[in-house]
Amino acid sequence: MTTTTANLSNTNIESTTIRPSEFSSDVRPHPVRSATQNQSPRGREQSPSSAKSINTRPVVAIPAGVELPATSKGEADAMAVWLSFLLCLTEQTPERREYGHWINIHSEANRQLLGGDYRPRIIAMRAARIIETNDRYSTGRPGTAVFPKSYRISDEYRTGHTELRELVTKPARKKLAKSMEPNAENLGATGMHFFRQFENFSLSDDAYKDKALTRSPWSAANLSRWSHGYSFAIRCVYGRYHSILTQTPRVARKYLRYKRAADLSIVDVSAAQPLIIGFLAAHDITTFRRLSHSIIHKLVSAPLLSYVAGFLVSSVPADVQKWIDLCQRREIYRYFWEAIQSSPEPAWVEMRKKKGPQKGQIHPVDLRTQSERSFKRGSLIPLFDQIDATLRSPVFQIVQRDFPTIAKWVLDTKRNGHETTACLCQRLESHLMIDGCGEVLRRQHADEPVQPIHDAILCRSGFAPVAHGIIAEQFSRIGLYPQITTKSA
């Protein structure tokens, strides 16, 4: 097993390889290894229990079964490094893994990995049906966002199964070695602090025996990274901190361990996303420019405590007051569940099967048949969907009826792309949790091992009350008072 990280402008991603069937009962965490260790012959997969150095050439993980359409060893190496990079990006979200959502890659990253004349190599991989490309891009003309061309691994190879390919040319090995360094410019002081603290954490041996985790190629790949001590970190364009931990399935969190044998807890903001939606709607913040000018400037440039008076719930529309109140009392999900239960008509939605032979297929579901717990997981997802899907959603129709200001904000944010709704929430969340809480942790508790998981913090159980207070203070600075829960990891 091996790993590569890519340090490309705002990107610093990791890739690994493992198949779930290769986990055995004797798997144990390994110490951190360098890029030239843990090697494997070309095209051969390797399990954590058998990962030993057999030569000195680095390898990268690429989708299993791929035959690279290269005319030279150097070209094959370049394609392998780029394809490993795309695989890493694919691993980041379930939408990319399962449904093939497009992944933007800047031309500068393509040049760095594939060489200056990268286009023929992209075309060759597309012709071989290894990848698919979307040639739409924007240079940022008035009224449009800037975005590069996008790519995805084809359905045939986007399975989670991978194999190792040895890099035989020196230029490729040099690029790989350089790319493995964390991007301090991207991460900033707080992100680098979190990155260094990650070495304090691991998964217990029981995680590698849990069939619920190892049966999935994607989660098995995540376990493999943990088992070999590899780490990566990136702050995306919306400020979120991504790492191995943020990609680790929730069901694996019970196996998290601190190296000094202390108990771990996760301090979590309840109903964080709907609460942030309420805040943004109250301020009519529908674009990144407006968010930056009205909120972020005050958060990062001015004394934060002076801004508390800048947001008073009593000064916003009554429906937004009610929304925020429900969020702060952890009752927002129950509100919608009860509204659906009381409906005399079926509340049909389309859902994808997550298990079984029909996995991935769309089928109709009456939300009235969902338990409150199942309903909570997907109840507000339609707010972040494309406009037509949002308008069809029975949940959004309740939002329009009971919370018209919130509904208007949701639709207004989608004018420049439906993804803007979620990205605005992520931007504000990251400023609160990373730039706010993270900076306090770095400055005042530098020796305390902590890790962010988006709107939560992983820490020692003994430190949980302190983490709770730090989170509460950051939210209070913009006039929000969420319930914050602490659970054993």
Protein backbone atom coordinates (compact mmCIF):
# COMPACT_ATOMS: atom_id res chain seq x y z
CA MET A 1 0.00 0.00 0.00
CA THR A 2 1.18 3.50 -0.71
CA THR A 3 -0.03 7.03 -0.63
CA THR A 4 0.41 10.21 -2.60
CA THR A 5 -0.53 13.72 -1.70
CA ALA A 6 -0.94 16.47 -4.23
CA ASN A 7 0.02 19.99 -3.28
CA LEU A 8 -1.53 21.96 -6.14
CA SER A 9 -2.47 25.56 -5.43
CA ASN A 10 -5.52 25.02 -3.21
CA THR A 11 -5.32 21.24 -3.27
CA ASN A 12 -3.52 18.80 -1.02
CA ILE A 13 -5.09 15.38 -1.37
CA GLU A 14 -4.16 11.84 -0.50
CA SER A 15 -4.77 8.53 -2.26
CA THR A 16 -4.45 4.95 -1.06
CA THR A 17 -5.19 1.44 -2.22
CA ILE A 18 -6.80 -1.61 -0.61
CA ARG A 19 -9.62 -4.02 -1.28
CA PRO A 20 -11.93 -4.98 1.57
CA SER A 21 -11.29 -8.69 1.09
CA GLU A 22 -7.64 -8.10 1.92
CA PHE A 23 -8.26 -7.15 5.54
CA SER A 24 -7.32 -9.90 7.94
CA SER A 25 -7.48 -10.31 11.68
CA ASP A 26 -3.79 -9.54 12.12
CA VAL A 27 -3.94 -6.04 10.62
CA ARG A 28 -2.21 -3.54 12.91
CA PRO A 29 -1.52 0.17 12.55
CA HIS A 30 1.89 0.87 11.04
CA PRO A 31 4.21 3.80 11.68
CA VAL A 32 4.44 6.61 9.13
CA ARG A 33 6.52 5.65 6.12
CA SER A 34 8.26 7.72 3.52
CA ALA A 35 7.23 7.95 -0.13
CA THR A 36 9.81 5.36 -1.13
CA GLN A 37 8.70 2.68 1.31
CA ASN A 38 5.82 0.22 1.20
CA GLN A 39 6.36 -0.53 -2.48
CA SER A 40 4.61 -3.11 -4.62
CA PRO A 41 5.15 -4.54 -8.11
CA ARG A 42 3.24 -2.80 -10.88
CA GLY A 43 -0.45 -3.65 -11.04
CA ARG A 44 -0.44 -5.65 -7.81
CA GLU A 45 -2.54 -4.77 -4.79
CA GLN A 46 -1.26 -5.03 -1.27
CA SER A 47 -2.88 -5.42 2.13
CA PRO A 48 -1.80 -3.65 5.32
CA SER A 49 -0.71 -6.98 6.82
CA SER A 50 1.66 -7.67 3.94
CA ALA A 51 2.86 -4.14 3.23
CA LYS A 52 6.65 -4.33 3.22
CA SER A 53 9.29 -2.52 1.24
CA ILE A 54 10.44 -4.65 -1.67
CA ASN A 55 12.18 -1.92 -3.71
CA THR A 56 12.89 1.78 -3.56
CA ARG A 57 10.60 3.12 -6.29
CA PRO A 58 7.46 5.00 -5.23
CA VAL A 59 4.07 3.84 -6.40
CA VAL A 60 0.69 5.49 -6.81
CA ALA A 61 -2.82 4.07 -6.54
CA ILE A 62 -4.94 4.07 -9.69
CA PRO A 63 -8.32 2.47 -10.47
CA ALA A 64 -8.00 -1.30 -10.78
CA GLY A 65 -7.92 -2.73 -14.29
CA VAL A 66 -6.86 0.46 -16.05
CA GLU A 67 -4.59 0.10 -19.09
CA LEU A 68 -2.89 3.45 -19.58
CA PRO A 69 -2.82 4.55 -23.25
CA ALA A 70 0.77 5.79 -23.07
CA THR A 71 3.52 5.71 -25.70
CA SER A 72 6.44 5.93 -23.27
CA LYS A 73 7.33 5.16 -19.66
CA GLY A 74 7.42 8.86 -18.85
CA GLU A 75 3.97 9.42 -20.29
CA ALA A 76 2.60 6.40 -18.43
CA ASP A 77 4.04 7.71 -15.15
CA ALA A 78 2.51 11.13 -15.73
CA MET A 79 -0.89 9.62 -16.48
CA ALA A 80 -0.67 7.43 -13.38
CA VAL A 81 0.12 10.37 -11.10
CA TRP A 82 -2.70 12.47 -12.58
CA LEU A 83 -5.18 9.59 -12.41
CA SER A 84 -4.21 8.96 -8.78
CA PHE A 85 -4.87 12.62 -8.10
CA LEU A 86 -8.33 12.37 -9.69
CA LEU A 87 -9.00 9.25 -7.64
CA CYS A 88 -8.12 11.15 -4.46
CA LEU A 89 -10.55 13.92 -5.33
CA THR A 90 -13.21 11.32 -6.12
CA GLU A 91 -12.85 9.82 -2.64
CA GLN A 92 -13.79 13.10 -0.97
CA THR A 93 -17.59 12.93 -1.26
CA PRO A 94 -20.23 10.22 -1.75
CA GLU A 95 -21.68 12.19 -4.65
CA ARG A 96 -18.39 11.90 -6.52
CA ARG A 97 -17.86 8.25 -5.59
CA GLU A 98 -21.36 6.91 -6.19
CA TYR A 99 -22.92 9.24 -8.73
CA GLY A 100 -19.95 10.60 -10.65
CA HIS A 101 -20.31 14.28 -9.84
CA TRP A 102 -17.92 16.37 -11.92
CA ILE A 103 -14.61 17.45 -10.35
CA ASN A 104 -13.01 20.75 -11.33
CA ILE A 105 -9.25 20.61 -11.92
CA HIS A 106 -7.36 23.74 -12.86
CA SER A 107 -5.12 23.71 -15.93
CA GLU A 108 -2.13 24.53 -13.72
CA ALA A 109 -2.64 21.27 -11.83
CA ASN A 110 -2.88 19.42 -15.13
CA ARG A 111 0.39 20.95 -16.29
CA GLN A 112 2.15 20.11 -13.04
CA LEU A 113 1.11 16.46 -13.12
CA LEU A 114 0.81 15.67 -16.83
CA GLY A 115 3.32 18.11 -18.30
CA GLY A 116 3.01 21.31 -20.30
CA ASP A 117 1.38 19.60 -23.27
CA TYR A 118 -1.21 17.81 -21.15
CA ARG A 119 -4.20 17.97 -23.50
CA PRO A 120 -3.28 14.99 -25.75
CA ARG A 121 -2.86 12.85 -22.63
CA ILE A 122 -6.28 13.86 -21.33
CA ILE A 123 -7.78 13.08 -24.75
CA ALA A 124 -6.05 9.68 -24.83
CA MET A 125 -7.43 8.68 -21.41
CA ARG A 126 -10.88 9.85 -22.48
CA ALA A 127 -10.65 7.86 -25.72
CA ALA A 128 -9.68 4.78 -23.68
CA ARG A 129 -12.84 5.38 -21.60
CA ILE A 130 -10.84 5.69 -18.39
CA ILE A 131 -12.17 9.18 -17.73
CA GLU A 132 -14.91 11.50 -18.91
CA THR A 133 -14.48 15.24 -19.41
CA ASN A 134 -16.71 18.28 -19.24
CA ASP A 135 -15.12 21.06 -21.29
CA ARG A 136 -17.33 23.83 -19.91
CA TYR A 137 -15.40 26.49 -18.02
CA SER A 138 -15.71 30.15 -17.06
CA THR A 139 -13.15 32.92 -16.86
CA GLY A 140 -15.43 34.98 -14.64
CA ARG A 141 -17.36 37.23 -16.98
CA PRO A 142 -19.84 39.59 -15.27
CA GLY A 143 -22.57 37.58 -13.59
CA THR A 144 -20.74 34.25 -13.74
CA ALA A 145 -18.44 32.44 -11.35
CA VAL A 146 -14.93 31.37 -12.27
CA PHE A 147 -14.53 27.61 -12.71
CA PRO A 148 -12.17 25.35 -14.69
CA LYS A 149 -12.94 22.29 -16.80
CA SER A 150 -14.07 19.21 -14.93
CA TYR A 151 -13.40 15.49 -15.00
CA ARG A 152 -14.55 12.19 -13.52
CA ILE A 153 -13.49 8.56 -13.59
CA SER A 154 -15.77 6.50 -15.83
CA ASP A 155 -18.36 4.22 -14.24
CA GLU A 156 -16.38 1.11 -15.15
CA TYR A 157 -13.38 2.15 -13.07
CA ARG A 158 -15.06 4.26 -10.37
CA THR A 159 -15.57 1.31 -8.02
CA GLY A 160 -13.19 1.97 -5.14
CA HIS A 161 -10.98 -0.96 -6.14
CA THR A 162 -7.45 0.17 -6.87
CA GLU A 163 -4.05 -1.16 -7.79
CA LEU A 164 -0.52 0.11 -7.31
CA ARG A 165 1.56 1.35 -10.20
CA GLU A 166 5.28 1.84 -9.83
CA LEU A 167 6.79 5.11 -11.02
CA VAL A 168 9.91 4.29 -13.04
CA THR A 169 10.96 7.74 -14.27
CA LYS A 170 12.81 10.31 -12.19
CA PRO A 171 10.71 13.37 -13.20
CA ALA A 172 7.54 11.66 -12.03
CA ARG A 173 9.15 10.60 -8.76
CA LYS A 174 10.38 14.14 -8.12
CA LYS A 175 6.92 15.59 -8.74
CA LEU A 176 5.39 13.01 -6.45
CA ALA A 177 7.88 13.72 -3.65
CA LYS A 178 7.33 17.46 -3.92
CA SER A 179 3.57 17.11 -3.96
CA MET A 180 3.57 15.10 -0.71
CA GLU A 181 4.39 18.13 1.42
CA PRO A 182 1.40 19.81 3.11
CA ASN A 183 0.46 23.11 1.52
CA ALA A 184 1.09 25.65 4.28
CA GLU A 185 -0.23 28.49 2.13
CA ASN A 186 -3.52 26.68 1.64
CA LEU A 187 -3.88 25.43 5.22
CA GLY A 188 -2.71 28.53 7.06
CA ALA A 189 -1.38 28.46 10.61
CA THR A 190 -4.55 26.89 12.02
CA GLY A 191 -4.77 24.19 9.35
CA MET A 192 -1.09 23.30 9.78
CA HIS A 193 -1.69 23.05 13.54
CA PHE A 194 -4.50 20.55 12.97
CA PHE A 195 -2.38 18.65 10.44
CA ARG A 196 0.48 18.21 12.93
CA GLN A 197 -1.91 17.18 15.71
CA PHE A 198 -3.37 14.37 13.60
CA GLU A 199 -0.47 12.05 14.50
CA ASN A 200 -1.95 11.76 18.01
CA PHE A 201 -4.94 9.81 16.73
CA SER A 202 -5.50 6.32 15.35
CA LEU A 203 -8.15 3.64 14.89
CA SER A 204 -8.23 0.63 17.20
CA ASP A 205 -7.55 -2.85 15.80
CA ASP A 206 -11.27 -3.67 15.96
CA ALA A 207 -11.96 -1.23 13.13
CA TYR A 208 -10.08 -3.46 10.70
CA LYS A 209 -12.25 -6.43 11.68
CA ASP A 210 -15.57 -4.64 11.32
CA LYS A 211 -17.25 -6.05 8.23
CA ALA A 212 -19.60 -3.09 8.05
CA LEU A 213 -16.51 -1.03 7.20
CA THR A 214 -14.36 -3.45 5.23
CA ARG A 215 -17.05 -4.64 2.82
CA SER A 216 -17.03 -1.26 1.06
CA PRO A 217 -13.98 -0.60 -1.17
CA TRP A 218 -14.13 3.11 -0.43
CA SER A 219 -14.28 2.79 3.36
CA ALA A 220 -11.66 0.03 3.18
CA ALA A 221 -9.37 2.48 1.40
CA ASN A 222 -9.91 4.92 4.24
CA LEU A 223 -9.01 2.23 6.79
CA SER A 224 -5.88 1.46 4.84
CA ARG A 225 -4.71 5.04 5.15
CA TRP A 226 -5.26 4.92 8.89
CA SER A 227 -3.45 1.60 9.22
CA HIS A 228 -0.34 2.95 7.56
CA GLY A 229 -0.25 6.23 9.40
CA TYR A 230 -0.71 8.43 6.36
CA SER A 231 -2.43 11.79 6.58
CA PHE A 232 -3.47 14.65 4.33
CA ALA A 233 -5.16 17.99 4.79
CA ILE A 234 -6.74 20.61 2.56
CA ARG A 235 -8.92 23.65 3.00
CA CYS A 236 -11.25 23.78 0.02
CA VAL A 237 -12.24 26.98 -1.73
CA TYR A 238 -15.09 27.38 0.79
CA GLY A 239 -12.70 27.12 3.73
CA ARG A 240 -13.70 23.68 4.98
CA TYR A 241 -10.91 21.55 6.45
CA HIS A 242 -10.78 18.10 4.83
CA SER A 243 -8.70 15.22 6.17
CA ILE A 244 -8.71 11.46 6.59
CA LEU A 245 -10.86 11.98 9.68
CA THR A 246 -13.54 14.00 7.86
CA GLN A 247 -13.72 11.20 5.24
CA THR A 248 -13.92 8.43 7.84
CA PRO A 249 -17.42 6.88 8.06
CA ARG A 250 -19.42 7.82 11.13
CA VAL A 251 -19.70 4.17 12.14
CA ALA A 252 -15.91 4.06 12.49
CA ARG A 253 -15.73 6.89 15.02
CA LYS A 254 -16.28 4.49 17.91
CA TYR A 255 -12.85 3.04 17.09
CA LEU A 256 -10.99 6.35 17.35
CA ARG A 257 -8.13 6.34 19.86
CA TYR A 258 -5.71 8.87 21.33
CA LYS A 259 -2.12 7.70 21.58
CA ARG A 260 -1.97 8.37 25.33
CA ALA A 261 -4.96 6.10 25.96
CA ALA A 262 -7.30 8.92 27.02
CA ASP A 263 -11.00 8.69 26.24
CA LEU A 264 -12.16 10.74 23.27
CA SER A 265 -15.30 12.79 22.74
CA ILE A 266 -16.91 14.61 19.84
CA VAL A 267 -18.28 18.05 20.65
CA ASP A 268 -20.92 18.81 18.05
CA VAL A 269 -23.13 21.77 17.09
CA SER A 270 -26.73 20.57 16.86
CA ALA A 271 -28.68 21.60 13.73
CA ALA A 272 -25.69 23.64 12.58
CA GLN A 273 -26.57 23.84 8.89
CA PRO A 274 -30.22 24.93 9.27
CA LEU A 275 -29.14 27.40 11.96
CA ILE A 276 -26.58 28.92 9.60
CA ILE A 277 -29.27 29.06 6.89
CA GLY A 278 -31.42 31.08 9.30
CA PHE A 279 -28.57 33.50 9.97
CA LEU A 280 -27.79 33.99 6.27
CA ALA A 281 -31.46 34.45 5.41
CA ALA A 282 -31.88 36.98 8.20
CA HIS A 283 -29.08 39.05 6.67
CA ASP A 284 -30.25 38.36 3.09
CA ILE A 285 -26.77 37.05 2.27
CA THR A 286 -27.24 35.33 -1.08
CA THR A 287 -23.79 35.75 -2.66
CA PHE A 288 -20.20 35.22 -1.59
CA ARG A 289 -19.45 38.89 -2.15
CA ARG A 290 -22.21 39.90 0.23
CA LEU A 291 -21.10 37.30 2.78
CA SER A 292 -17.50 38.51 2.62
CA HIS A 293 -18.37 42.19 2.92
CA SER A 294 -21.02 42.00 5.63
CA ILE A 295 -19.93 39.11 7.84
CA ILE A 296 -16.50 37.71 7.15
CA HIS A 297 -14.84 41.12 7.28
CA LYS A 298 -16.23 41.61 10.76
CA LEU A 299 -15.27 38.09 11.81
CA VAL A 300 -11.62 38.25 10.77
CA SER A 301 -10.76 41.97 10.72
CA ALA A 302 -12.67 43.57 13.57
CA PRO A 303 -12.99 42.77 17.29
CA LEU A 304 -15.58 40.01 17.17
CA LEU A 305 -17.29 40.74 20.46
CA SER A 306 -18.31 44.18 19.19
CA TYR A 307 -20.38 42.47 16.53
CA VAL A 308 -22.78 40.74 18.92
CA ALA A 309 -25.17 43.68 18.70
CA GLY A 310 -25.08 43.48 14.92
CA PHE A 311 -27.52 40.60 14.87
CA LEU A 312 -30.61 40.64 17.04
CA VAL A 313 -33.14 37.89 16.41
CA SER A 314 -35.97 40.24 17.35
CA SER A 315 -35.09 42.49 14.40
CA VAL A 316 -35.65 39.88 11.70
CA PRO A 317 -38.92 38.60 10.14
CA ALA A 318 -41.12 36.49 12.40
CA ASP A 319 -40.73 33.33 10.30
CA VAL A 320 -36.94 33.58 10.51
CA GLN A 321 -37.18 34.13 14.28
CA LYS A 322 -39.24 30.95 14.52
CA TRP A 323 -36.77 29.02 12.31
CA ILE A 324 -33.77 30.09 14.39
CA ASP A 325 -35.59 29.33 17.62
CA LEU A 326 -36.44 25.81 16.42
CA CYS A 327 -32.81 25.24 15.45
CA GLN A 328 -31.47 26.49 18.77
CA ARG A 329 -33.90 24.19 20.62
CA ARG A 330 -32.95 21.21 18.37
CA GLU A 331 -36.56 20.92 17.19
CA ILE A 332 -36.27 21.92 13.53
CA TYR A 333 -36.16 18.35 12.19
CA ARG A 334 -39.03 17.20 14.38
CA TYR A 335 -41.08 20.17 13.18
CA PHE A 336 -40.88 19.00 9.56
CA TRP A 337 -41.33 15.34 10.45
CA GLU A 338 -44.55 16.10 12.35
CA ALA A 339 -45.77 18.30 9.50
CA ILE A 340 -45.23 15.44 7.03
CA GLN A 341 -46.89 12.92 9.38
CA SER A 342 -49.99 15.08 9.62
CA SER A 343 -50.38 15.33 5.84
CA PRO A 344 -53.48 13.50 4.51
CA GLU A 345 -51.78 13.00 1.15
CA PRO A 346 -48.65 10.96 0.37
CA ALA A 347 -45.41 12.94 0.49
CA TRP A 348 -43.59 11.35 -2.42
CA VAL A 349 -39.87 11.84 -2.93
CA GLU A 350 -37.31 10.06 -5.07
CA MET A 351 -34.51 8.30 -3.23
CA ARG A 352 -31.57 6.16 -4.25
CA LYS A 353 -31.23 2.64 -2.91
CA LYS A 354 -28.15 2.49 -0.68
CA LYS A 355 -28.00 -1.28 -0.33
CA GLY A 356 -28.85 -4.48 -2.14
CA PRO A 357 -28.86 -5.43 -5.83
CA GLN A 358 -30.73 -2.22 -6.74
CA LYS A 359 -28.15 0.03 -5.06
CA GLY A 360 -27.98 3.41 -6.77
CA GLN A 361 -31.36 3.06 -8.46
CA ILE A 362 -33.98 5.73 -7.84
CA HIS A 363 -37.33 4.70 -6.35
CA PRO A 364 -40.33 6.60 -4.92
CA VAL A 365 -40.77 6.83 -1.14
CA ASP A 366 -43.63 8.28 0.89
CA LEU A 367 -41.93 10.33 3.61
CA ARG A 368 -44.79 9.52 5.98
CA THR A 369 -43.41 5.98 6.19
CA GLN A 370 -39.97 7.17 7.38
CA SER A 371 -38.96 7.00 11.02
CA GLU A 372 -38.04 10.30 12.63
CA ARG A 373 -34.38 9.27 12.65
CA SER A 374 -34.36 8.31 8.97
CA PHE A 375 -36.30 11.45 8.08
CA LYS A 376 -33.76 13.67 9.84
CA ARG A 377 -30.87 12.40 7.73
CA GLY A 378 -32.36 13.64 4.48
CA SER A 379 -35.10 16.08 5.42
CA LEU A 380 -33.25 19.28 4.52
CA ILE A 381 -31.21 17.89 1.62
CA PRO A 382 -33.76 19.27 -0.90
CA LEU A 383 -32.82 22.79 0.18
CA PHE A 384 -29.41 22.20 -1.38
CA ASP A 385 -30.62 20.44 -4.54
CA GLN A 386 -31.25 21.84 -8.01
CA ILE A 387 -34.15 24.29 -8.24
CA ASP A 388 -36.64 21.93 -9.90
CA ALA A 389 -35.94 19.19 -7.34
CA THR A 390 -36.18 21.71 -4.50
CA LEU A 391 -39.56 22.96 -5.70
CA ARG A 392 -40.91 19.39 -5.99
CA SER A 393 -39.89 18.49 -2.45
CA PRO A 394 -42.74 18.12 0.06
CA VAL A 395 -40.39 19.43 2.75
CA PHE A 396 -39.59 22.58 0.79
CA GLN A 397 -43.29 23.14 0.20
CA ILE A 398 -43.67 23.25 3.98
CA VAL A 399 -40.77 25.71 4.11
CA GLN A 400 -42.56 27.90 1.56
CA ARG A 401 -45.78 27.75 3.59
CA ASP A 402 -44.36 28.30 7.08
CA PHE A 403 -41.02 30.03 6.46
CA PRO A 404 -41.40 32.16 3.31
CA THR A 405 -38.31 34.26 4.02
CA ILE A 406 -36.18 31.15 4.29
CA ALA A 407 -37.70 29.75 1.08
CA LYS A 408 -37.01 32.98 -0.81
CA TRP A 409 -33.41 32.99 0.41
CA VAL A 410 -32.90 29.39 -0.74
CA LEU A 411 -34.17 30.14 -4.24
CA ASP A 412 -32.27 33.42 -4.48
CA THR A 413 -28.97 31.70 -3.67
CA LYS A 414 -29.46 29.30 -6.58
CA ARG A 415 -29.49 32.01 -9.25
CA ASN A 416 -25.78 31.49 -9.92
CA GLY A 417 -25.90 27.71 -9.46
CA HIS A 418 -27.76 25.47 -7.04
CA GLU A 419 -24.53 24.59 -5.23
CA THR A 420 -24.27 28.17 -3.91
CA THR A 421 -26.78 27.38 -1.14
CA ALA A 422 -24.57 24.74 0.46
CA CYS A 423 -21.33 26.58 -0.27
CA LEU A 424 -22.46 29.73 1.52
CA CYS A 425 -23.27 27.63 4.58
CA GLN A 426 -19.90 25.90 4.39
CA ARG A 427 -18.08 29.21 4.07
CA LEU A 428 -19.63 30.65 7.23
CA GLU A 429 -19.30 27.35 9.09
CA SER A 430 -15.58 27.21 8.29
CA HIS A 431 -15.03 30.75 9.53
CA LEU A 432 -16.69 29.88 12.82
CA MET A 433 -15.16 26.44 13.34
CA ILE A 434 -11.71 26.77 11.72
CA ASP A 435 -10.84 30.48 11.66
CA GLY A 436 -12.67 31.05 14.94
CA CYS A 437 -12.50 27.97 17.17
CA GLY A 438 -9.38 26.65 15.49
CA GLU A 439 -7.45 29.86 16.02
CA VAL A 440 -8.39 29.91 19.72
CA LEU A 441 -7.28 26.29 20.05
CA ARG A 442 -3.98 27.00 18.29
CA ARG A 443 -3.15 30.10 20.33
CA GLN A 444 -4.46 29.16 23.77
CA HIS A 445 -4.30 25.34 23.78
CA ALA A 446 -1.43 24.56 21.43
CA ASP A 447 -0.51 21.29 23.17
CA GLU A 448 -4.04 19.95 23.27
CA PRO A 449 -4.69 17.28 20.59
CA VAL A 450 -7.83 18.22 18.68
CA GLN A 451 -9.22 17.60 15.20
CA PRO A 452 -12.10 19.37 13.42
CA ILE A 453 -14.89 17.40 11.75
CA HIS A 454 -16.69 20.25 9.98
CA ASP A 455 -19.18 21.48 12.64
CA ALA A 456 -17.69 19.34 15.42
CA ILE A 457 -14.42 18.92 17.31
CA LEU A 458 -12.75 15.65 18.28
CA CYS A 459 -10.82 15.95 21.55
CA ARG A 460 -9.99 14.29 24.85
CA SER A 461 -13.07 13.78 26.99
CA GLY A 462 -11.41 15.80 29.74
CA PHE A 463 -11.04 18.75 27.35
CA ALA A 464 -14.61 18.55 26.02
CA PRO A 465 -16.04 21.21 28.39
CA VAL A 466 -13.38 23.67 27.19
CA ALA A 467 -14.12 22.86 23.54
CA HIS A 468 -17.82 23.31 24.27
CA GLY A 469 -17.16 26.79 25.63
CA ILE A 470 -14.97 27.80 22.69
CA ILE A 471 -17.64 26.77 20.16
CA ALA A 472 -20.39 28.51 22.12
CA GLU A 473 -18.36 31.72 22.25
CA GLN A 474 -17.72 31.77 18.51
CA PHE A 475 -21.39 31.34 17.64
CA SER A 476 -22.46 33.89 20.24
CA ARG A 477 -20.27 36.49 18.52
CA ILE A 478 -22.75 36.51 15.64
CA GLY A 479 -25.74 36.29 17.95
CA LEU A 480 -26.44 32.55 17.69
CA TYR A 481 -26.82 30.19 20.64
CA PRO A 482 -27.02 26.59 19.40
CA GLN A 483 -27.24 23.54 21.60
CA ILE A 484 -23.86 21.83 21.72
CA THR A 485 -23.69 18.13 22.51
CA THR A 486 -20.81 15.97 23.71
CA LYS A 487 -20.72 12.28 22.84
CA SER A 488 -18.11 9.60 23.37
CA ALA A 489 -16.19 8.88 20.20
